[in-house]
N, C-alpha and C. Protein backbone atom coordinates (compact mmCIF):
# COMPACT_ATOMS: atom_id res chain seq x y z
N MET A 1 1.34 -1.19 -0.06
CA MET A 1 -0.14 -0.05 0.03
C MET A 1 0.90 1.16 0.07
N GLU A 2 0.48 2.28 -0.91
CA GLU A 2 1.34 3.15 -0.82
C GLU A 2 0.68 4.49 -0.08
N VAL A 3 0.91 5.30 0.84
CA VAL A 3 0.72 6.72 1.97
C VAL A 3 1.47 7.82 1.10
N ILE A 4 0.97 8.87 1.39
CA ILE A 4 1.20 10.18 1.60
C ILE A 4 1.70 10.56 3.04
N LEU A 5 2.49 10.42 3.39
CA LEU A 5 3.14 10.89 5.29
C LEU A 5 2.54 12.37 5.42
N ASN A 6 2.22 12.68 6.37
CA ASN A 6 1.84 13.75 6.76
C ASN A 6 2.86 14.44 7.72
N GLN A 7 3.52 13.78 8.59
CA GLN A 7 4.30 13.81 9.24
C GLN A 7 5.67 13.14 9.28
N ASP A 8 6.99 13.39 9.73
CA ASP A 8 8.34 12.97 9.56
C ASP A 8 8.15 11.47 10.57
N ILE A 9 8.47 10.29 9.73
CA ILE A 9 8.32 9.20 10.77
C ILE A 9 8.99 8.61 10.74
N ASP A 10 9.70 8.30 11.85
CA ASP A 10 11.45 7.42 11.76
C ASP A 10 11.34 6.10 11.26
N LYS A 11 12.40 5.60 10.58
CA LYS A 11 12.64 4.84 9.79
C LYS A 11 11.25 4.70 8.43
N ILE A 12 10.42 5.46 8.14
CA ILE A 12 10.04 5.49 7.15
C ILE A 12 9.95 6.58 6.07
N GLY A 13 10.09 7.86 6.68
CA GLY A 13 9.98 8.98 5.69
C GLY A 13 9.79 10.01 6.51
N LYS A 14 10.21 11.20 5.13
CA LYS A 14 9.98 12.22 5.83
C LYS A 14 8.39 12.62 5.56
N ALA A 15 7.85 13.75 5.56
CA ALA A 15 6.51 14.64 5.57
C ALA A 15 6.43 14.93 4.12
N GLY A 16 5.35 14.72 3.47
CA GLY A 16 5.26 15.20 2.32
C GLY A 16 5.59 13.71 1.36
N SER A 17 6.26 12.82 1.76
CA SER A 17 6.53 12.18 0.61
C SER A 17 5.95 10.24 0.22
N VAL A 18 5.86 10.01 -0.78
CA VAL A 18 5.16 8.57 -0.73
C VAL A 18 5.92 7.30 -0.39
N VAL A 19 5.43 6.45 0.29
CA VAL A 19 6.11 5.34 0.83
C VAL A 19 5.43 4.83 0.56
N LYS A 20 5.91 3.34 0.08
CA LYS A 20 5.14 2.13 0.47
C LYS A 20 5.31 1.64 1.89
N VAL A 21 4.41 1.11 2.52
CA VAL A 21 4.04 0.60 4.18
C VAL A 21 2.99 -0.78 3.24
N LYS A 22 3.40 -1.77 4.34
CA LYS A 22 2.43 -2.95 4.43
C LYS A 22 1.12 -2.34 5.06
N ASP A 23 0.00 -3.56 4.14
CA ASP A 23 -1.58 -2.53 4.24
C ASP A 23 -2.25 -2.71 5.48
N GLY A 24 -1.82 -3.74 6.44
CA GLY A 24 -2.14 -3.50 7.70
C GLY A 24 -1.53 -2.12 8.70
N TYR A 25 -0.28 -1.80 8.52
CA TYR A 25 0.58 -1.24 8.86
C TYR A 25 -0.74 0.79 8.77
N GLY A 26 -0.32 0.50 7.61
CA GLY A 26 -1.27 1.80 6.36
C GLY A 26 -2.71 1.95 7.02
N ARG A 27 -3.71 1.23 6.78
CA ARG A 27 -4.89 0.79 6.88
C ARG A 27 -4.77 1.04 8.68
N ASN A 28 -4.44 0.51 9.33
CA ASN A 28 -4.83 0.22 11.10
C ASN A 28 -4.00 1.70 11.75
N PHE A 29 -3.24 1.82 11.71
CA PHE A 29 -2.26 2.81 12.02
C PHE A 29 -1.76 4.50 11.52
N LEU A 30 -1.82 4.31 10.56
CA LEU A 30 -1.18 5.54 10.12
C LEU A 30 -2.25 6.45 9.66
N ILE A 31 -3.06 5.75 8.60
CA ILE A 31 -4.04 6.38 8.48
C ILE A 31 -5.51 7.23 9.13
N PRO A 32 -5.77 6.28 10.33
CA PRO A 32 -6.55 6.53 11.24
C PRO A 32 -5.81 7.35 12.03
N ASN A 33 -4.58 7.53 12.63
CA ASN A 33 -3.87 8.71 13.84
C ASN A 33 -3.66 9.93 12.69
N ARG A 34 -3.78 9.85 11.52
CA ARG A 34 -4.08 11.11 9.94
C ARG A 34 -2.42 11.18 10.68
N LEU A 35 -1.22 10.14 10.29
CA LEU A 35 0.02 10.21 10.18
C LEU A 35 -0.26 10.07 8.84
N ALA A 36 -1.00 9.71 7.97
CA ALA A 36 -0.29 9.80 6.45
C ALA A 36 -1.71 9.60 5.73
N MET A 37 -1.80 9.33 4.50
CA MET A 37 -3.41 10.02 3.60
C MET A 37 -2.92 9.06 2.59
N PRO A 38 -4.26 8.27 2.15
CA PRO A 38 -3.86 6.98 0.97
C PRO A 38 -3.51 7.67 -0.47
N VAL A 39 -2.63 7.27 -1.25
CA VAL A 39 -2.39 8.28 -2.02
C VAL A 39 -3.87 7.85 -3.19
N THR A 40 -4.27 9.08 -3.63
CA THR A 40 -5.03 9.04 -4.52
C THR A 40 -4.87 9.98 -5.70
N PRO A 41 -5.56 10.34 -7.05
CA PRO A 41 -5.10 11.57 -7.81
C PRO A 41 -5.68 13.12 -7.09
N GLY A 42 -6.66 13.19 -6.21
CA GLY A 42 -6.78 14.11 -5.53
C GLY A 42 -5.63 14.46 -4.80
N ASN A 43 -5.12 13.32 -3.51
CA ASN A 43 -4.36 14.25 -2.57
C ASN A 43 -3.07 14.18 -3.21
N LEU A 44 -2.56 13.59 -4.37
CA LEU A 44 -0.92 13.94 -5.06
C LEU A 44 -1.50 15.42 -5.47
N LYS A 45 -2.61 15.27 -6.17
CA LYS A 45 -2.63 17.17 -6.71
C LYS A 45 -2.42 17.78 -5.06
N LYS A 46 -3.31 17.95 -3.85
CA LYS A 46 -3.19 18.51 -2.70
C LYS A 46 -1.49 18.89 -2.78
N LEU A 47 -0.87 17.47 -2.74
CA LEU A 47 0.26 17.59 -2.05
C LEU A 47 1.49 18.93 -2.79
N GLU A 48 0.83 18.51 -4.52
CA GLU A 48 1.69 19.38 -4.79
C GLU A 48 1.88 20.72 -5.06
N GLN A 49 0.54 21.35 -4.50
CA GLN A 49 -0.15 22.70 -4.37
C GLN A 49 0.67 22.89 -2.64
N GLU A 50 0.78 21.93 -1.90
CA GLU A 50 0.92 22.47 -0.46
C GLU A 50 2.80 22.79 -1.14
N LYS A 51 3.20 21.88 -1.46
CA LYS A 51 5.18 22.01 -1.98
C LYS A 51 4.67 23.35 -2.80
N GLN A 52 4.54 23.53 -3.78
CA GLN A 52 4.57 24.57 -4.37
C GLN A 52 4.09 26.04 -3.59
N LYS A 53 3.22 25.88 -2.25
CA LYS A 53 3.15 27.02 -1.35
C LYS A 53 4.16 27.27 -0.84
N LYS A 54 4.78 26.10 -0.57
CA LYS A 54 5.91 26.14 0.72
C LYS A 54 7.17 26.84 0.03
N ALA A 55 7.55 26.46 -1.23
CA ALA A 55 8.46 26.80 -1.82
C ALA A 55 8.13 28.38 -2.04
N LEU A 56 7.43 29.06 -2.39
CA LEU A 56 6.81 30.07 -2.65
C LEU A 56 7.15 31.16 -1.20
N MET A 57 6.81 30.11 0.13
CA MET A 57 6.72 31.24 1.26
C MET A 57 8.05 31.27 1.35
N LEU A 58 9.01 29.69 1.46
CA LEU A 58 10.50 30.24 1.40
C LEU A 58 11.22 31.20 0.78
N GLU A 59 10.98 31.02 -0.69
CA GLU A 59 11.37 32.10 -1.42
C GLU A 59 11.28 33.94 -0.92
N SER A 60 10.00 33.71 -0.39
CA SER A 60 9.29 35.24 0.32
C SER A 60 10.22 35.32 1.46
N LEU A 61 10.58 34.35 2.34
CA LEU A 61 11.50 34.55 3.39
C LEU A 61 12.91 34.74 2.98
N LYS A 62 13.59 34.30 1.99
CA LYS A 62 14.84 34.50 1.68
C LYS A 62 15.00 35.93 1.20
N LYS A 63 13.81 36.72 0.39
CA LYS A 63 14.26 37.75 -0.58
C LYS A 63 14.01 38.66 0.91
N ASP A 64 12.83 38.87 2.62
CA ASP A 64 13.16 39.47 3.19
C ASP A 64 14.26 38.98 3.98
N ALA A 65 14.99 37.69 4.02
CA ALA A 65 16.35 38.03 4.46
C ALA A 65 17.22 38.98 4.11
N GLU A 66 17.56 38.93 2.49
CA GLU A 66 18.33 39.31 1.78
C GLU A 66 18.06 40.99 1.85
N ALA A 67 16.71 41.51 2.28
CA ALA A 67 16.62 42.96 2.95
C ALA A 67 17.03 43.39 4.05
N LEU A 68 16.93 42.57 4.68
CA LEU A 68 17.67 43.04 5.98
C LEU A 68 19.35 42.83 6.19
N LYS A 69 19.68 41.94 5.35
CA LYS A 69 21.13 41.39 5.25
C LYS A 69 21.51 42.80 4.95
N THR A 70 20.93 43.44 3.79
CA THR A 70 21.69 44.95 3.41
C THR A 70 21.66 45.98 4.37
N LYS A 71 20.43 45.91 5.07
CA LYS A 71 20.17 46.95 6.02
C LYS A 71 21.15 46.98 7.25
N LEU A 72 21.47 45.64 7.92
CA LEU A 72 22.15 45.18 9.03
C LEU A 72 24.04 45.66 8.58
N SER A 73 24.09 45.43 7.29
CA SER A 73 25.92 45.63 6.58
C SER A 73 26.29 47.44 6.18
N ALA A 74 24.87 47.83 6.68
CA ALA A 74 24.91 49.39 6.77
C ALA A 74 25.12 50.13 8.29
N VAL A 75 24.76 49.04 9.35
CA VAL A 75 24.76 49.47 10.52
C VAL A 75 26.03 49.33 11.56
N SER A 76 26.41 50.17 12.16
CA SER A 76 27.80 50.00 12.97
C SER A 76 27.09 50.33 14.37
N LEU A 77 27.06 49.08 14.97
CA LEU A 77 26.60 49.44 16.49
C LEU A 77 27.69 49.61 17.31
N THR A 78 27.76 50.88 18.50
CA THR A 78 28.85 50.90 19.23
C THR A 78 28.20 51.03 20.76
N LEU A 79 28.75 49.86 21.06
CA LEU A 79 28.34 49.61 22.70
C LEU A 79 29.49 49.77 23.69
N SER A 80 29.06 50.95 24.88
CA SER A 80 29.80 51.26 25.81
C SER A 80 29.98 50.14 27.15
N SER A 81 31.04 49.56 27.44
CA SER A 81 30.73 49.25 28.65
C SER A 81 32.20 49.15 29.92
N LEU A 82 31.75 48.85 30.76
CA LEU A 82 32.83 49.54 31.55
C LEU A 82 34.17 48.28 31.95
N ALA A 83 35.01 49.18 31.61
CA ALA A 83 36.64 47.86 31.55
C ALA A 83 38.33 48.56 32.32
N LYS A 84 38.42 47.46 32.48
CA LYS A 84 39.76 47.60 33.13
C LYS A 84 40.83 48.17 32.28
N GLU A 85 41.68 48.03 32.96
CA GLU A 85 43.63 48.94 32.49
C GLU A 85 43.31 48.20 31.35
N ASP A 86 43.60 46.98 31.02
CA ASP A 86 44.07 46.29 30.01
C ASP A 86 42.95 45.88 29.16
N GLU A 87 42.13 46.53 29.02
CA GLU A 87 40.79 46.57 28.46
C GLU A 87 40.37 45.51 28.42
N LYS A 88 39.88 44.89 29.35
CA LYS A 88 39.03 43.82 29.30
C LYS A 88 37.85 44.34 30.35
N LEU A 89 36.49 43.64 30.00
CA LEU A 89 34.95 44.42 30.37
C LEU A 89 35.32 43.66 31.56
N PHE A 90 34.58 44.22 32.65
CA PHE A 90 33.88 43.78 33.94
C PHE A 90 32.98 42.73 33.58
N GLY A 91 31.77 43.04 32.61
CA GLY A 91 30.88 41.92 32.48
C GLY A 91 31.18 41.53 30.84
N SER A 92 30.48 41.14 30.48
CA SER A 92 30.60 40.78 29.07
C SER A 92 29.45 41.15 28.06
N ILE A 93 29.63 41.06 26.87
CA ILE A 93 28.79 41.77 25.91
C ILE A 93 28.06 40.36 25.09
N SER A 94 26.90 40.30 25.62
CA SER A 94 26.35 39.08 24.84
C SER A 94 25.35 39.43 23.64
N ALA A 95 24.59 38.53 22.96
CA ALA A 95 23.85 38.30 22.24
C ALA A 95 22.30 39.09 22.45
N HIS A 96 22.28 39.21 23.74
CA HIS A 96 20.76 39.75 24.05
C HIS A 96 21.28 41.09 24.22
N ASP A 97 22.63 41.83 24.51
CA ASP A 97 22.50 42.97 24.39
C ASP A 97 22.91 43.44 23.31
N ILE A 98 23.16 42.62 22.26
CA ILE A 98 23.34 43.12 21.22
C ILE A 98 22.05 43.69 19.94
N ALA A 99 21.35 42.72 20.43
CA ALA A 99 19.85 42.58 20.12
C ALA A 99 19.17 43.85 20.94
N LEU A 100 19.12 44.38 21.89
CA LEU A 100 18.99 45.37 22.72
C LEU A 100 18.97 46.78 21.94
N ALA A 101 20.54 46.80 21.44
CA ALA A 101 21.25 47.83 20.84
C ALA A 101 20.43 47.73 19.02
N LEU A 102 20.86 46.80 18.70
CA LEU A 102 19.87 46.60 16.96
C LEU A 102 18.33 47.58 17.88
N LYS A 103 17.25 46.97 18.68
CA LYS A 103 16.24 47.38 18.68
C LYS A 103 16.26 48.71 19.04
N GLU A 104 17.27 49.53 19.46
CA GLU A 104 17.20 51.37 20.11
C GLU A 104 17.40 51.57 17.84
N GLU A 105 18.41 50.65 17.38
CA GLU A 105 18.45 51.49 16.01
C GLU A 105 16.96 51.38 15.21
N GLY A 106 15.76 50.60 16.02
CA GLY A 106 15.12 50.52 15.34
C GLY A 106 15.07 49.25 14.13
N ILE A 107 15.88 48.01 14.55
CA ILE A 107 16.01 46.59 13.30
C ILE A 107 15.44 45.97 15.00
N GLU A 108 14.45 45.22 14.89
CA GLU A 108 13.86 44.09 15.82
C GLU A 108 14.33 42.51 15.02
N ILE A 109 15.83 41.76 15.84
CA ILE A 109 16.43 40.30 15.57
C ILE A 109 16.12 39.87 17.06
N ASP A 110 15.58 38.51 16.61
CA ASP A 110 15.70 37.83 17.68
C ASP A 110 17.00 37.46 18.33
N LYS A 111 17.40 37.44 19.35
CA LYS A 111 18.60 37.12 19.94
C LYS A 111 19.05 35.85 19.80
N SER A 112 18.39 34.94 19.17
CA SER A 112 18.73 33.60 18.82
C SER A 112 19.59 33.43 17.69
N LEU A 113 19.27 34.49 16.96
CA LEU A 113 19.94 34.57 15.48
C LEU A 113 21.37 34.99 15.39
N ILE A 114 21.82 35.71 16.56
CA ILE A 114 22.74 36.14 16.59
C ILE A 114 23.97 35.19 17.12
N ALA A 115 25.12 35.25 16.25
CA ALA A 115 25.46 33.72 16.23
C ALA A 115 27.00 34.38 17.04
N LEU A 116 26.90 34.04 18.20
CA LEU A 116 27.91 35.12 19.06
C LEU A 116 28.58 33.03 19.75
N SER A 117 29.89 33.22 19.37
CA SER A 117 30.45 31.64 19.93
C SER A 117 30.68 31.82 21.02
N GLU A 118 30.66 32.66 21.85
CA GLU A 118 30.84 33.31 23.41
C GLU A 118 30.99 34.79 23.57
N PRO A 119 30.45 35.29 24.73
CA PRO A 119 30.56 36.65 24.95
C PRO A 119 31.37 37.56 24.71
N ILE A 120 31.84 38.91 23.96
CA ILE A 120 32.09 39.73 24.19
C ILE A 120 32.97 40.05 25.37
N LYS A 121 34.14 40.45 25.87
CA LYS A 121 34.80 40.18 26.94
C LYS A 121 36.12 41.00 26.73
N ALA A 122 36.04 41.57 25.94
CA ALA A 122 37.22 42.72 25.34
C ALA A 122 37.04 43.78 25.04
N LEU A 123 37.59 45.16 24.99
CA LEU A 123 37.32 46.34 24.28
C LEU A 123 38.10 46.01 22.74
N GLY A 124 37.51 46.67 21.30
CA GLY A 124 37.61 46.44 20.58
C GLY A 124 36.35 46.32 19.17
N ILE A 125 36.46 46.14 17.65
CA ILE A 125 35.90 45.83 16.95
C ILE A 125 35.57 44.37 16.63
N TYR A 126 34.63 44.19 16.69
CA TYR A 126 34.14 42.64 16.33
C TYR A 126 32.87 42.61 14.86
N GLU A 127 33.33 41.45 14.12
CA GLU A 127 32.30 41.17 13.34
C GLU A 127 31.62 40.22 13.41
N VAL A 128 30.26 40.13 14.26
CA VAL A 128 29.14 39.16 14.41
C VAL A 128 28.47 38.59 13.65
N PRO A 129 28.55 37.61 13.05
CA PRO A 129 27.45 36.90 12.19
C PRO A 129 25.79 36.80 12.55
N VAL A 130 25.10 36.95 12.16
CA VAL A 130 23.45 37.07 12.40
C VAL A 130 23.23 36.22 10.96
N ASN A 131 22.58 35.00 11.64
CA ASN A 131 21.90 34.33 10.65
C ASN A 131 20.68 34.82 10.68
N LEU A 132 20.31 34.95 9.31
CA LEU A 132 18.78 35.28 8.71
C LEU A 132 17.89 34.50 8.26
N HIS A 133 18.66 33.33 8.09
CA HIS A 133 18.05 32.33 6.76
C HIS A 133 19.02 31.19 6.84
N PRO A 134 18.80 30.35 6.70
CA PRO A 134 19.72 29.05 6.42
C PRO A 134 20.80 29.44 5.32
N GLU A 135 20.69 29.92 4.54
CA GLU A 135 21.57 30.66 3.13
C GLU A 135 21.94 31.78 3.18
N VAL A 136 21.44 32.87 3.99
CA VAL A 136 21.60 34.28 4.22
C VAL A 136 22.14 34.71 5.74
N ILE A 137 23.85 34.50 5.80
CA ILE A 137 24.16 35.43 6.59
C ILE A 137 24.55 36.75 6.95
N ALA A 138 23.85 37.63 7.63
CA ALA A 138 24.97 38.92 7.62
C ALA A 138 25.88 38.90 8.51
N LYS A 139 26.81 39.75 8.34
CA LYS A 139 27.59 40.44 9.36
C LYS A 139 27.81 41.49 9.65
N LEU A 140 27.50 41.77 11.05
CA LEU A 140 26.97 43.17 11.80
C LEU A 140 28.42 43.53 12.99
N LYS A 141 28.79 44.55 12.14
CA LYS A 141 29.87 45.62 12.57
C LYS A 141 29.62 46.00 14.27
N VAL A 142 30.56 45.54 15.29
CA VAL A 142 30.03 45.74 16.55
C VAL A 142 31.47 46.41 17.33
N TRP A 143 31.36 47.88 17.65
CA TRP A 143 32.56 48.26 18.44
C TRP A 143 31.83 48.61 19.83
N VAL A 144 32.91 47.92 20.57
CA VAL A 144 33.24 47.89 22.11
C VAL A 144 33.94 48.50 22.33
N VAL A 145 33.54 49.89 23.48
CA VAL A 145 34.18 51.13 23.98
C VAL A 145 33.92 51.07 25.35
N LYS A 146 35.43 52.16 25.82
CA LYS A 146 35.15 51.81 27.08
C LYS A 146 34.27 53.37 27.60
N LYS A 147 33.36 53.19 28.59
CA LYS A 147 32.43 53.83 28.99
C LYS A 147 33.12 54.98 29.81
């Protein structure tokens, strides 16, 4: 029996794929639990429409990410912090601090998108990567100066 999976199922397949399963498994488990639907011309057409809709949505998200990348490349953040004589900060500057500074500039970005490997702990100029989309990574220039 061939079915179209509605969800990812371990050892069987990913959502949206057409897979062959045993008749009893498909009829008694997958279809009643709405994990899959039978392969019919109507269901195949519906699957194709959903794939096209998803592709358009992903393309739209990528265009938005590209536009935000150009906006971020023009921005240079200056963050001031208390520092010791040897230019080490008393605290540290995290992704949360950078997200707040961007919000003050009028750009709202979730702090989880800011890819700091570790918090900034010294004065200087840093290029911080921002993962806007799996294919779009923006570089944000951050200046850390003494307060």
